[in-house]
Amino acid sequence: AQTLRDDAQAVGSLRARQSVMLRPEQVGRISALHFKDGGPVRRGQILVQFDDQLQRAEVQQMQAQLAIAQASFKRTQELVAAHFVAQQTLDTSAANLQVAQAQLALAQARLARMAVRAPFDGTAGIRLVNVGDYVKDGADLVALEDARQMLVDYRLPERYGAKVQPGQSVELTLDALPGRQLTAVVEAIEPLIDATGRSFGVRALVSRTGQTLPLRSGMFARVSTVFSANDAALVVPEEALVPQGGKQYVIKVVAPAAGAKLPPDVTLVSQRQEVELGVRRTGKVEIVAGVAEGDTVVVAGQQRLQTDGSPLRVVELRGAGAAQAAPRAATAASR
C-alpha cells in the first residue's frame, strides 16, 4: 500500500499572534525607560516615561477648579432652596460643574498619555530611543512581541481556493532550524483573491506542544498544506500513461482471449485501458478508475503496441523489482 497526499507547497513567514511597535500619542522628551532590551515585560507595565511636569500641573489646576465649581454649586443649591436666587442660576452652576469635571478628565487623559505601557505580556525588542530624546507623536519607540503563539502566513494559487479549509493540517520546515519539522493548523483564509498574483492568503497556527524551539517573527518557512491523504492509493509510473484524444490510457498486460492464435510460448497480450487520473506527484500518478491493484501495465515502448492483443513476454530487467513486459518494460500497479 502507498500513502498519497493531496497537498500544496508554498513559502511563508512566521509572525507572533500579538506584535506591536509602540509609539507615543503626544510629543515630548523621554525622562525614563523601564525595560531592558530583549527582556520580558508585563501587561500594563510602564515602558517609556515622558516628562509630564506640565501635564501634572494641569491636572492640579483642573482639580482646584473642580473644587471651586463643586462649592459654588452647593452654595447655589442652598440659595435656591431659600428662594434667594432663581432656578436659572442653579442650572448655570450645574453646567459649570460639568465643565470642570470634563476639563479634569481631559487633563488626566493627557497625563496618562505621557506614559507608554505594554498592551500585553511579551518580550521587548531593542530600544530605538534613549533617555533625553525629544520625539514626535507616532515615532517608533520599541517593538513588543508575545511569541507564545506563533502563526505562519503564506499564499496559495487560486486553484486551491475550494480545497483549503480551516482546521486542515499544515507541515512546515524552517531554514533556521534544519532537520526539524513543525505542524500547524489552518486558522484563517483571506476571502479576496489578489488580482495581480492570482493567489490568496492563508494563516495557520503553529503547534508548540512539548516544544521549546526558539521561533521568531520573520523566519522563512517552507509550508505544505495537506488537503487529504489516501493510505491505499493506486499509483503507476507517469511514463505508463498514453494520452490520446483528450483522454488518458494505460496498456495492461493480460491473458489472451480464448482461441487467440499466438505462438506457443506467448501467454500474455496487451490491452488498452482508459483510466481516470487523480493526484500527480514527481514521477507518479494516482489512478482513480480503470485498473486494479496488482494489474501489470507497460511503462515503455507503448508506441509499438498499436492494437489490443499484441503478444508480450514478461522478463525481469536487471535492477527492477517489479514484473517487466516486452517490448521494453512493464510494471505492476500497486497500492
C-alpha atoms as a PDB file:
ATOM      1  CA  ALA A   1       0.000   0.000   0.000  1.00  0.00           C
ATOM      2  CA  GLN A   2       1.160   3.518  -0.734  1.00  0.00           C
ATOM      3  CA  THR A   3       0.138   6.719   1.016  1.00  0.00           C
ATOM      4  CA  LEU A   4      -0.512   9.533  -1.429  1.00  0.00           C
ATOM      5  CA  ARG A   5      -1.204  13.032  -0.195  1.00  0.00           C
ATOM      6  CA  ASP A   6      -3.062  15.785  -1.951  1.00  0.00           C
ATOM      7  CA  ASP A   7      -1.182  18.858  -0.779  1.00  0.00           C
ATOM      8  CA  ALA A   8       0.158  22.223  -1.910  1.00  0.00           C
ATOM      9  CA  GLN A   9       3.637  23.646  -1.409  1.00  0.00           C
ATOM     10  CA  ALA A  10       4.287  27.291  -0.565  1.00  0.00           C
ATOM     11  CA  VAL A  11       6.686  29.574   1.257  1.00  0.00           C
ATOM     12  CA  GLY A  12       5.763  31.915   4.071  1.00  0.00           C
ATOM     13  CA  SER A  13       6.929  33.771   7.156  1.00  0.00           C
ATOM     14  CA  LEU A  14       6.404  33.331  10.869  1.00  0.00           C
ATOM     15  CA  ARG A  15       4.802  36.049  12.932  1.00  0.00           C
ATOM     16  CA  ALA A  16       3.697  36.349  16.531  1.00  0.00           C
ATOM     17  CA  ARG A  17      -0.021  36.429  17.185  1.00  0.00           C
ATOM     18  CA  GLN A  18       0.493  39.599  19.222  1.00  0.00           C
ATOM     19  CA  SER A  19       3.086  42.009  17.897  1.00  0.00           C
ATOM     20  CA  VAL A  20       3.212  45.782  18.043  1.00  0.00           C
ATOM     21  CA  MET A  21       5.549  48.710  17.509  1.00  0.00           C
ATOM     22  CA  LEU A  22       4.990  51.056  20.425  1.00  0.00           C
ATOM     23  CA  ARG A  23       4.590  54.725  19.506  1.00  0.00           C
ATOM     24  CA  PRO A  24       3.701  57.788  21.613  1.00  0.00           C
ATOM     25  CA  GLU A  25       0.442  59.675  21.142  1.00  0.00           C
ATOM     26  CA  GLN A  26       1.988  63.025  22.089  1.00  0.00           C
ATOM     27  CA  VAL A  27       5.253  64.849  21.542  1.00  0.00           C
ATOM     28  CA  GLY A  28       7.625  65.072  24.450  1.00  0.00           C
ATOM     29  CA  ARG A  29      11.013  64.392  25.982  1.00  0.00           C
ATOM     30  CA  ILE A  30      11.774  60.935  27.367  1.00  0.00           C
ATOM     31  CA  SER A  31      12.537  61.027  31.080  1.00  0.00           C
ATOM     32  CA  ALA A  32      12.891  57.288  31.803  1.00  0.00           C
ATOM     33  CA  LEU A  33      12.957  53.850  30.187  1.00  0.00           C
ATOM     34  CA  HIS A  34      11.640  50.997  32.329  1.00  0.00           C
ATOM     35  CA  PHE A  35      12.624  47.913  30.340  1.00  0.00           C
ATOM     36  CA  LYS A  36      15.697  46.006  29.216  1.00  0.00           C
ATOM     37  CA  ASP A  37      16.394  45.293  25.577  1.00  0.00           C
ATOM     38  CA  GLY A  38      15.116  41.791  24.842  1.00  0.00           C
ATOM     39  CA  GLY A  39      13.690  41.452  28.329  1.00  0.00           C
ATOM     40  CA  PRO A  40      10.235  40.317  29.469  1.00  0.00           C
ATOM     41  CA  VAL A  41       7.512  42.849  30.210  1.00  0.00           C
ATOM     42  CA  ARG A  42       4.079  42.571  31.788  1.00  0.00           C
ATOM     43  CA  ARG A  43       0.788  43.957  30.583  1.00  0.00           C
ATOM     44  CA  GLY A  44       0.241  47.463  31.934  1.00  0.00           C
ATOM     45  CA  GLN A  45       3.919  47.971  32.782  1.00  0.00           C
ATOM     46  CA  ILE A  46       5.237  51.461  32.014  1.00  0.00           C
ATOM     47  CA  LEU A  47       7.958  51.061  29.396  1.00  0.00           C
ATOM     48  CA  VAL A  48       8.646  54.647  28.324  1.00  0.00           C
ATOM     49  CA  GLN A  49       8.007  57.650  30.549  1.00  0.00           C
ATOM     50  CA  PHE A  50       7.874  61.162  29.102  1.00  0.00           C
ATOM     51  CA  ASP A  51       8.446  64.370  31.040  1.00  0.00           C
ATOM     52  CA  ASP A  52       4.978  65.054  32.467  1.00  0.00           C
ATOM     53  CA  GLN A  53       5.527  68.049  34.775  1.00  0.00           C
ATOM     54  CA  LEU A  54       3.307  70.294  32.659  1.00  0.00           C
ATOM     55  CA  GLN A  55       0.534  67.706  32.471  1.00  0.00           C
ATOM     56  CA  ARG A  56       0.644  67.102  36.230  1.00  0.00           C
ATOM     57  CA  ALA A  57       0.332  70.836  36.826  1.00  0.00           C
ATOM     58  CA  GLU A  58      -2.682  70.948  34.521  1.00  0.00           C
ATOM     59  CA  VAL A  59      -4.320  68.132  36.490  1.00  0.00           C
ATOM     60  CA  GLN A  60      -3.769  70.012  39.759  1.00  0.00           C
ATOM     61  CA  GLN A  61      -5.211  73.163  38.209  1.00  0.00           C
ATOM     62  CA  MET A  62      -8.310  71.321  36.984  1.00  0.00           C
ATOM     63  CA  GLN A  63      -8.738  69.673  40.394  1.00  0.00           C
ATOM     64  CA  ALA A  64      -8.745  73.102  42.031  1.00  0.00           C
ATOM     65  CA  GLN A  65     -11.251  74.452  39.524  1.00  0.00           C
ATOM     66  CA  LEU A  66     -13.461  71.423  40.101  1.00  0.00           C
ATOM     67  CA  ALA A  67     -13.384  72.021  43.848  1.00  0.00           C
ATOM     68  CA  ILE A  68     -14.453  75.635  43.281  1.00  0.00           C
ATOM     69  CA  ALA A  69     -17.249  74.540  40.942  1.00  0.00           C
ATOM     70  CA  GLN A  70     -18.486  71.956  43.460  1.00  0.00           C
ATOM     71  CA  ALA A  71     -18.527  74.512  46.280  1.00  0.00           C
ATOM     72  CA  SER A  72     -20.306  77.062  44.095  1.00  0.00           C
ATOM     73  CA  PHE A  73     -22.927  74.509  43.082  1.00  0.00           C
ATOM     74  CA  LYS A  74     -23.565  73.574  46.706  1.00  0.00           C
ATOM     75  CA  ARG A  75     -23.996  77.231  47.773  1.00  0.00           C
ATOM     76  CA  THR A  76     -26.293  77.888  44.838  1.00  0.00           C
ATOM     77  CA  GLN A  77     -28.452  74.913  45.815  1.00  0.00           C
ATOM     78  CA  GLU A  78     -28.840  76.382  49.297  1.00  0.00           C
ATOM     79  CA  LEU A  79     -29.715  79.821  47.916  1.00  0.00           C
ATOM     80  CA  VAL A  80     -32.295  78.386  45.526  1.00  0.00           C
ATOM     81  CA  ALA A  81     -33.829  76.387  48.376  1.00  0.00           C
ATOM     82  CA  ALA A  82     -34.121  79.640  50.376  1.00  0.00           C
ATOM     83  CA  HIS A  83     -35.587  81.420  47.308  1.00  0.00           C
ATOM     84  CA  PHE A  84     -32.768  83.970  47.242  1.00  0.00           C
ATOM     85  CA  VAL A  85     -31.753  83.246  43.616  1.00  0.00           C
ATOM     86  CA  ALA A  86     -33.576  81.979  40.543  1.00  0.00           C
ATOM     87  CA  GLN A  87     -33.503  78.386  39.275  1.00  0.00           C
ATOM     88  CA  GLN A  88     -31.577  79.575  36.224  1.00  0.00           C
ATOM     89  CA  THR A  89     -28.616  80.395  38.449  1.00  0.00           C
ATOM     90  CA  LEU A  90     -28.572  76.807  39.722  1.00  0.00           C
ATOM     91  CA  ASP A  91     -28.679  75.483  36.156  1.00  0.00           C
ATOM     92  CA  THR A  92     -25.699  77.639  35.250  1.00  0.00           C
ATOM     93  CA  SER A  93     -23.793  76.432  38.314  1.00  0.00           C
ATOM     94  CA  ALA A  94     -24.543  72.798  37.433  1.00  0.00           C
ATOM     95  CA  ALA A  95     -23.267  73.349  33.890  1.00  0.00           C
ATOM     96  CA  ASN A  96     -20.080  74.930  35.238  1.00  0.00           C
ATOM     97  CA  LEU A  97     -19.579  71.875  37.465  1.00  0.00           C
ATOM     98  CA  GLN A  98     -19.908  69.534  34.485  1.00  0.00           C
ATOM     99  CA  VAL A  99     -17.404  71.620  32.509  1.00  0.00           C
ATOM    100  CA  ALA A 100     -14.918  71.433  35.400  1.00  0.00           C
ATOM    101  CA  GLN A 101     -15.344  67.659  35.620  1.00  0.00           C
ATOM    102  CA  ALA A 102     -14.757  67.285  31.874  1.00  0.00           C
ATOM    103  CA  GLN A 103     -11.676  69.518  31.985  1.00  0.00           C
ATOM    104  CA  LEU A 104     -10.211  67.408  34.798  1.00  0.00           C
ATOM    105  CA  ALA A 105     -10.865  64.191  32.851  1.00  0.00           C
ATOM    106  CA  LEU A 106      -9.180  65.714  29.791  1.00  0.00           C
ATOM    107  CA  ALA A 107      -6.133  66.759  31.812  1.00  0.00           C
ATOM    108  CA  GLN A 108      -5.875  63.297  33.362  1.00  0.00           C
ATOM    109  CA  ALA A 109      -6.058  61.690  29.910  1.00  0.00           C
ATOM    110  CA  ARG A 110      -3.232  63.922  28.687  1.00  0.00           C
ATOM    111  CA  LEU A 111      -1.177  62.945  31.723  1.00  0.00           C
ATOM    112  CA  ALA A 112      -1.802  59.236  31.108  1.00  0.00           C
ATOM    113  CA  ARG A 113      -0.548  59.577  27.535  1.00  0.00           C
ATOM    114  CA  MET A 114       2.856  60.651  28.809  1.00  0.00           C
ATOM    115  CA  ALA A 115       3.497  57.046  29.895  1.00  0.00           C
ATOM    116  CA  VAL A 116       3.671  54.314  27.234  1.00  0.00           C
ATOM    117  CA  ARG A 117       2.542  50.995  28.715  1.00  0.00           C
ATOM    118  CA  ALA A 118       2.815  47.400  27.498  1.00  0.00           C
ATOM    119  CA  PRO A 119      -0.541  46.348  25.989  1.00  0.00           C
ATOM    120  CA  PHE A 120       0.164  42.649  26.675  1.00  0.00           C
ATOM    121  CA  ASP A 121       2.702  40.291  28.231  1.00  0.00           C
ATOM    122  CA  GLY A 122       5.657  39.751  25.952  1.00  0.00           C
ATOM    123  CA  THR A 123       9.269  40.443  25.139  1.00  0.00           C
ATOM    124  CA  ALA A 124      10.627  43.885  24.393  1.00  0.00           C
ATOM    125  CA  GLY A 125      12.810  44.447  21.362  1.00  0.00           C
ATOM    126  CA  ILE A 126      15.831  46.702  21.071  1.00  0.00           C
ATOM    127  CA  ARG A 127      15.067  50.289  22.011  1.00  0.00           C
ATOM    128  CA  LEU A 128      15.099  52.862  19.250  1.00  0.00           C
ATOM    129  CA  VAL A 129      15.289  55.865  21.597  1.00  0.00           C
ATOM    130  CA  ASN A 130      17.212  56.959  24.682  1.00  0.00           C
ATOM    131  CA  VAL A 131      16.523  58.994  27.791  1.00  0.00           C
ATOM    132  CA  GLY A 132      16.553  62.680  26.890  1.00  0.00           C
ATOM    133  CA  ASP A 133      15.391  62.192  23.311  1.00  0.00           C
ATOM    134  CA  TYR A 134      12.663  64.542  22.139  1.00  0.00           C
ATOM    135  CA  VAL A 135      10.298  62.528  19.986  1.00  0.00           C
ATOM    136  CA  LYS A 136       7.229  63.367  17.982  1.00  0.00           C
ATOM    137  CA  ASP A 137       3.917  61.607  18.223  1.00  0.00           C
ATOM    138  CA  GLY A 138       3.934  58.421  16.137  1.00  0.00           C
ATOM    139  CA  ALA A 139       7.701  57.889  16.347  1.00  0.00           C
ATOM    140  CA  ASP A 140       8.937  54.302  16.805  1.00  0.00           C
ATOM    141  CA  LEU A 141       9.991  53.546  20.380  1.00  0.00           C
ATOM    142  CA  VAL A 142      10.380  49.772  20.766  1.00  0.00           C
ATOM    143  CA  ALA A 143       8.820  46.612  19.352  1.00  0.00           C
ATOM    144  CA  LEU A 144       6.917  44.251  21.622  1.00  0.00           C
ATOM    145  CA  GLU A 145       6.044  40.627  20.832  1.00  0.00           C
ATOM    146  CA  ASP A 146       4.320  37.738  22.526  1.00  0.00           C
ATOM    147  CA  ALA A 147       5.948  34.683  20.941  1.00  0.00           C
ATOM    148  CA  ARG A 148       3.989  32.131  22.947  1.00  0.00           C
ATOM    149  CA  GLN A 149       1.675  31.707  19.967  1.00  0.00           C
ATOM    150  CA  MET A 150       3.248  31.803  16.515  1.00  0.00           C
ATOM    151  CA  LEU A 151       1.490  31.993  13.170  1.00  0.00           C
ATOM    152  CA  VAL A 152       2.702  31.265   9.654  1.00  0.00           C
ATOM    153  CA  ASP A 153       1.386  33.439   6.833  1.00  0.00           C
ATOM    154  CA  TYR A 154       1.648  32.227   3.232  1.00  0.00           C
ATOM    155  CA  ARG A 155      -0.139  32.411  -0.103  1.00  0.00           C
ATOM    156  CA  LEU A 156      -1.633  29.723  -2.335  1.00  0.00           C
ATOM    157  CA  PRO A 157      -2.653  29.864  -6.015  1.00  0.00           C
ATOM    158  CA  GLU A 158      -6.342  30.458  -6.599  1.00  0.00           C
ATOM    159  CA  ARG A 159      -6.847  26.901  -7.909  1.00  0.00           C
ATOM    160  CA  TYR A 160      -6.643  25.703  -4.308  1.00  0.00           C
ATOM    161  CA  GLY A 161      -9.380  28.069  -3.151  1.00  0.00           C
ATOM    162  CA  ALA A 162     -12.026  25.340  -2.962  1.00  0.00           C
ATOM    163  CA  LYS A 163      -9.708  22.855  -1.234  1.00  0.00           C
ATOM    164  CA  VAL A 164      -8.205  24.723   1.675  1.00  0.00           C
ATOM    165  CA  GLN A 165     -10.390  24.877   4.784  1.00  0.00           C
ATOM    166  CA  PRO A 166      -9.887  25.977   8.416  1.00  0.00           C
ATOM    167  CA  GLY A 167      -8.678  23.098  10.542  1.00  0.00           C
ATOM    168  CA  GLN A 168      -6.573  21.434   7.847  1.00  0.00           C
ATOM    169  CA  SER A 169      -3.123  20.183   8.742  1.00  0.00           C
ATOM    170  CA  VAL A 170      -0.018  22.109   7.720  1.00  0.00           C
ATOM    171  CA  GLU A 171       3.591  20.952   7.823  1.00  0.00           C
ATOM    172  CA  LEU A 172       6.454  23.407   7.769  1.00  0.00           C
ATOM    173  CA  THR A 173      10.214  23.440   7.892  1.00  0.00           C
ATOM    174  CA  LEU A 174      12.398  26.401   8.749  1.00  0.00           C
ATOM    175  CA  ASP A 175      15.769  27.218   7.234  1.00  0.00           C
ATOM    176  CA  ALA A 176      16.778  28.482  10.671  1.00  0.00           C
ATOM    177  CA  LEU A 177      16.050  25.048  12.212  1.00  0.00           C
ATOM    178  CA  PRO A 178      17.293  22.458   9.696  1.00  0.00           C
ATOM    179  CA  GLY A 179      16.109  18.925  10.219  1.00  0.00           C
ATOM    180  CA  ARG A 180      13.103  19.924  12.321  1.00  0.00           C
ATOM    181  CA  GLN A 181       9.529  19.655  11.079  1.00  0.00           C
ATOM    182  CA  LEU A 182       6.731  21.600  12.719  1.00  0.00           C
ATOM    183  CA  THR A 183       2.993  21.197  12.421  1.00  0.00           C
ATOM    184  CA  ALA A 184       0.291  23.832  12.227  1.00  0.00           C
ATOM    185  CA  VAL A 185      -3.447  24.122  11.664  1.00  0.00           C
ATOM    186  CA  VAL A 186      -5.117  26.431   9.151  1.00  0.00           C
ATOM    187  CA  GLU A 187      -6.802  29.172  11.165  1.00  0.00           C
ATOM    188  CA  ALA A 188      -7.919  31.796   8.650  1.00  0.00           C
ATOM    189  CA  ILE A 189      -8.251  32.192   4.887  1.00  0.00           C
ATOM    190  CA  GLU A 190      -8.190  35.514   3.066  1.00  0.00           C
ATOM    191  CA  PRO A 191     -11.571  35.917   1.302  1.00  0.00           C
ATOM    192  CA  LEU A 192     -10.163  38.012  -1.542  1.00  0.00           C
ATOM    193  CA  ILE A 193      -8.035  36.783  -4.444  1.00  0.00           C
ATOM    194  CA  ASP A 194      -5.116  39.023  -5.350  1.00  0.00           C
ATOM    195  CA  ALA A 195      -5.807  40.089  -8.934  1.00  0.00           C
ATOM    196  CA  THR A 196      -2.115  40.538  -9.721  1.00  0.00           C
ATOM    197  CA  GLY A 197      -0.699  37.247  -8.484  1.00  0.00           C
ATOM    198  CA  ARG A 198      -3.950  35.247  -8.588  1.00  0.00           C
ATOM    199  CA  SER A 199      -3.361  33.979  -5.082  1.00  0.00           C
ATOM    200  CA  PHE A 200      -4.926  34.261  -1.640  1.00  0.00           C
ATOM    201  CA  GLY A 201      -3.519  34.468   1.853  1.00  0.00           C
ATOM    202  CA  VAL A 202      -3.639  31.683   4.430  1.00  0.00           C
ATOM    203  CA  ARG A 203      -2.784  31.870   8.128  1.00  0.00           C
ATOM    204  CA  ALA A 204      -2.029  28.813  10.271  1.00  0.00           C
ATOM    205  CA  LEU A 205      -1.366  28.447  13.990  1.00  0.00           C
ATOM    206  CA  VAL A 206       1.931  26.684  14.718  1.00  0.00           C
ATOM    207  CA  SER A 207       1.719  23.899  17.287  1.00  0.00           C
ATOM    208  CA  ARG A 208       4.307  24.139  20.059  1.00  0.00           C
ATOM    209  CA  THR A 209       3.062  21.272  22.207  1.00  0.00           C
ATOM    210  CA  GLY A 210       6.005  19.883  24.119  1.00  0.00           C
ATOM    211  CA  GLN A 211       8.451  22.028  22.152  1.00  0.00           C
ATOM    212  CA  THR A 212      10.669  24.892  23.258  1.00  0.00           C
ATOM    213  CA  LEU A 213      12.017  25.892  19.866  1.00  0.00           C
ATOM    214  CA  PRO A 214      13.347  29.461  19.510  1.00  0.00           C
ATOM    215  CA  LEU A 215      10.782  30.654  16.969  1.00  0.00           C
ATOM    216  CA  ARG A 216      10.988  34.293  15.907  1.00  0.00           C
ATOM    217  CA  SER A 217       8.857  36.526  13.757  1.00  0.00           C
ATOM    218  CA  GLY A 218      10.092  36.822  10.195  1.00  0.00           C
ATOM    219  CA  MET A 219      11.587  33.327   9.965  1.00  0.00           C
ATOM    220  CA  PHE A 220      11.375  31.877   6.451  1.00  0.00           C
ATOM    221  CA  ALA A 221       9.135  28.808   6.291  1.00  0.00           C
ATOM    222  CA  ARG A 222       8.512  26.147   3.662  1.00  0.00           C
ATOM    223  CA  VAL A 223       4.876  25.161   4.020  1.00  0.00           C
ATOM    224  CA  SER A 224       2.931  22.104   2.894  1.00  0.00           C
ATOM    225  CA  THR A 225      -0.853  22.302   3.261  1.00  0.00           C
ATOM    226  CA  VAL A 226      -2.351  18.801   3.401  1.00  0.00           C
ATOM    227  CA  PHE A 227      -5.837  18.670   1.871  1.00  0.00           C
ATOM    228  CA  SER A 228      -6.275  14.891   2.114  1.00  0.00           C
ATOM    229  CA  ALA A 229      -4.287  11.661   2.415  1.00  0.00           C
ATOM    230  CA  ASN A 230      -5.086   8.306   0.805  1.00  0.00           C
ATOM    231  CA  ASP A 231      -3.426   5.410   2.608  1.00  0.00           C
ATOM    232  CA  ALA A 232      -4.397   2.959  -0.155  1.00  0.00           C
ATOM    233  CA  ALA A 233      -3.719   4.930  -3.320  1.00  0.00           C
ATOM    234  CA  LEU A 234      -3.330   3.085  -6.629  1.00  0.00           C
ATOM    235  CA  VAL A 235      -0.176   4.504  -8.230  1.00  0.00           C
ATOM    236  CA  VAL A 236       1.633   3.863 -11.525  1.00  0.00           C
ATOM    237  CA  PRO A 237       4.737   5.484 -13.029  1.00  0.00           C
ATOM    238  CA  GLU A 238       3.917   8.596 -15.007  1.00  0.00           C
ATOM    239  CA  GLU A 239       5.532   7.151 -18.145  1.00  0.00           C
ATOM    240  CA  ALA A 240       2.859   4.434 -18.219  1.00  0.00           C
ATOM    241  CA  LEU A 241       0.256   6.975 -19.389  1.00  0.00           C
ATOM    242  CA  VAL A 242      -0.713   7.099 -23.063  1.00  0.00           C
ATOM    243  CA  PRO A 243      -2.653  10.300 -23.889  1.00  0.00           C
ATOM    244  CA  GLN A 244      -5.000  10.090 -26.855  1.00  0.00           C
ATOM    245  CA  GLY A 245      -7.969  12.182 -27.954  1.00  0.00           C
ATOM    246  CA  GLY A 246      -8.076  14.171 -24.738  1.00  0.00           C
ATOM    247  CA  LYS A 247      -8.202  11.002 -22.657  1.00  0.00           C
ATOM    248  CA  GLN A 248      -5.612   9.020 -20.727  1.00  0.00           C
ATOM    249  CA  TYR A 249      -4.887   5.335 -21.251  1.00  0.00           C
ATOM    250  CA  VAL A 250      -2.549   2.662 -19.961  1.00  0.00           C
ATOM    251  CA  ILE A 251      -1.635  -0.602 -21.674  1.00  0.00           C
ATOM    252  CA  LYS A 252      -2.386  -3.536 -19.412  1.00  0.00           C
ATOM    253  CA  VAL A 253      -0.677  -6.908 -19.628  1.00  0.00           C
ATOM    254  CA  VAL A 254      -3.436  -9.543 -19.653  1.00  0.00           C
ATOM    255  CA  ALA A 255      -4.031 -13.167 -20.560  1.00  0.00           C
ATOM    256  CA  PRO A 256      -5.079 -13.719 -24.207  1.00  0.00           C
ATOM    257  CA  ALA A 257      -8.684 -14.376 -25.111  1.00  0.00           C
ATOM    258  CA  ALA A 258      -9.737 -17.963 -25.607  1.00  0.00           C
ATOM    259  CA  GLY A 259      -8.968 -19.168 -29.124  1.00  0.00           C
ATOM    260  CA  ALA A 260      -6.400 -16.439 -29.892  1.00  0.00           C
ATOM    261  CA  LYS A 261      -3.764 -17.555 -32.374  1.00  0.00           C
ATOM    262  CA  LEU A 262      -0.427 -16.919 -30.671  1.00  0.00           C
ATOM    263  CA  PRO A 263       2.991 -18.570 -30.586  1.00  0.00           C
ATOM    264  CA  PRO A 264       3.131 -21.423 -28.079  1.00  0.00           C
ATOM    265  CA  ASP A 265       5.486 -19.580 -25.733  1.00  0.00           C
ATOM    266  CA  VAL A 266       3.352 -16.394 -25.559  1.00  0.00           C
ATOM    267  CA  THR A 267       0.939 -16.311 -22.642  1.00  0.00           C
ATOM    268  CA  LEU A 268       0.337 -12.549 -22.282  1.00  0.00           C
ATOM    269  CA  VAL A 269      -1.020  -9.831 -24.583  1.00  0.00           C
ATOM    270  CA  SER A 270      -1.619  -6.076 -24.462  1.00  0.00           C
ATOM    271  CA  GLN A 271      -4.928  -4.348 -23.731  1.00  0.00           C
ATOM    272  CA  ARG A 272      -5.509  -0.592 -23.941  1.00  0.00           C
ATOM    273  CA  GLN A 273      -7.452   0.677 -20.920  1.00  0.00           C
ATOM    274  CA  GLU A 274      -8.877   4.158 -20.352  1.00  0.00           C
ATOM    275  CA  VAL A 275      -8.122   5.461 -16.850  1.00  0.00           C
ATOM    276  CA  GLU A 276      -9.205   8.315 -14.613  1.00  0.00           C
ATOM    277  CA  LEU A 277      -6.337  10.203 -13.005  1.00  0.00           C
ATOM    278  CA  GLY A 278      -6.079  11.599  -9.512  1.00  0.00           C
ATOM    279  CA  VAL A 279      -3.187  13.305  -7.759  1.00  0.00           C
ATOM    280  CA  ARG A 280       0.119  13.688  -9.590  1.00  0.00           C
ATOM    281  CA  ARG A 281       3.450  13.563  -7.866  1.00  0.00           C
ATOM    282  CA  THR A 282       7.004  13.558  -9.190  1.00  0.00           C
ATOM    283  CA  GLY A 283       7.275  10.530 -11.458  1.00  0.00           C
ATOM    284  CA  LYS A 284       3.993   9.044 -10.238  1.00  0.00           C
ATOM    285  CA  VAL A 285       0.281   9.457 -10.828  1.00  0.00           C
ATOM    286  CA  GLU A 286      -2.750   8.181  -8.961  1.00  0.00           C
ATOM    287  CA  ILE A 287      -5.235   6.033 -10.894  1.00  0.00           C
ATOM    288  CA  VAL A 288      -8.749   6.591  -9.593  1.00  0.00           C
ATOM    289  CA  ALA A 289     -10.508   4.216 -12.003  1.00  0.00           C
ATOM    290  CA  GLY A 290      -9.566   1.839 -14.810  1.00  0.00           C
ATOM    291  CA  VAL A 291      -7.059  -0.550 -13.244  1.00  0.00           C
ATOM    292  CA  ALA A 292      -6.985  -2.696 -10.133  1.00  0.00           C
ATOM    293  CA  GLU A 293      -4.297  -3.460  -7.603  1.00  0.00           C
ATOM    294  CA  GLY A 294      -1.852  -5.978  -9.000  1.00  0.00           C
ATOM    295  CA  ASP A 295      -2.526  -5.193 -12.667  1.00  0.00           C
ATOM    296  CA  THR A 296       0.618  -5.019 -14.787  1.00  0.00           C
ATOM    297  CA  VAL A 297       0.992  -2.071 -17.166  1.00  0.00           C
ATOM    298  CA  VAL A 298       3.555  -1.248 -19.834  1.00  0.00           C
ATOM    299  CA  VAL A 299       5.808   1.671 -18.929  1.00  0.00           C
ATOM    300  CA  ALA A 300       7.977   1.904 -22.078  1.00  0.00           C
ATOM    301  CA  GLY A 301       7.646   1.095 -25.752  1.00  0.00           C
ATOM    302  CA  GLN A 302       3.885   1.647 -25.896  1.00  0.00           C
ATOM    303  CA  GLN A 303       4.180   3.036 -29.432  1.00  0.00           C
ATOM    304  CA  ARG A 304       4.977  -0.484 -30.654  1.00  0.00           C
ATOM    305  CA  LEU A 305       1.670  -1.797 -29.320  1.00  0.00           C
ATOM    306  CA  GLN A 306      -0.785  -0.355 -31.815  1.00  0.00           C
ATOM    307  CA  THR A 307      -3.571  -2.892 -31.330  1.00  0.00           C
ATOM    308  CA  ASP A 308      -5.013  -4.847 -28.453  1.00  0.00           C
ATOM    309  CA  GLY A 309      -3.890  -8.436 -28.313  1.00  0.00           C
ATOM    310  CA  SER A 310      -0.273  -7.764 -29.251  1.00  0.00           C
ATOM    311  CA  PRO A 311       1.832 -10.605 -27.820  1.00  0.00           C
ATOM    312  CA  LEU A 312       4.049  -9.845 -24.829  1.00  0.00           C
ATOM    313  CA  ARG A 313       6.634 -11.769 -22.952  1.00  0.00           C
ATOM    314  CA  VAL A 314       7.395 -10.902 -19.317  1.00  0.00           C
ATOM    315  CA  VAL A 315      11.066 -10.645 -18.476  1.00  0.00           C
ATOM    316  CA  GLU A 316      12.997  -9.476 -15.438  1.00  0.00           C
ATOM    317  CA  LEU A 317      15.099  -6.395 -16.120  1.00  0.00           C
ATOM    318  CA  ARG A 318      18.320  -6.031 -14.166  1.00  0.00           C
ATOM    319  CA  GLY A 319      17.756  -3.962 -11.039  1.00  0.00           C
ATOM    320  CA  ALA A 320      13.978  -3.943 -11.477  1.00  0.00           C
ATOM    321  CA  GLY A 321      11.926  -5.120  -8.584  1.00  0.00           C
ATOM    322  CA  ALA A 322       8.559  -5.288 -10.403  1.00  0.00           C
ATOM    323  CA  ALA A 323       7.412  -7.536 -13.241  1.00  0.00           C
ATOM    324  CA  GLN A 324       8.542  -6.234 -16.641  1.00  0.00           C
ATOM    325  CA  ALA A 325       6.991  -6.864 -20.064  1.00  0.00           C
ATOM    326  CA  ALA A 326       8.175  -6.557 -23.649  1.00  0.00           C
ATOM    327  CA  PRO A 327       8.587  -4.631 -25.892  1.00  0.00           C
ATOM    328  CA  ARG A 328      10.736  -2.841 -23.295  1.00  0.00           C
ATOM    329  CA  ALA A 329       9.270  -2.677 -19.817  1.00  0.00           C
ATOM    330  CA  ALA A 330       6.165  -3.015 -17.681  1.00  0.00           C
ATOM    331  CA  THR A 331       5.397  -2.655 -14.003  1.00  0.00           C
ATOM    332  CA  ALA A 332       2.637  -3.758 -11.664  1.00  0.00           C
ATOM    333  CA  ALA A 333       0.139  -1.169 -10.473  1.00  0.00           C
ATOM    334  CA  SER A 334       0.366  -1.064  -6.709  1.00  0.00           C
ATOM    335  CA  ARG A 335      -1.304   0.419  -3.693  1.00  0.00           C
END
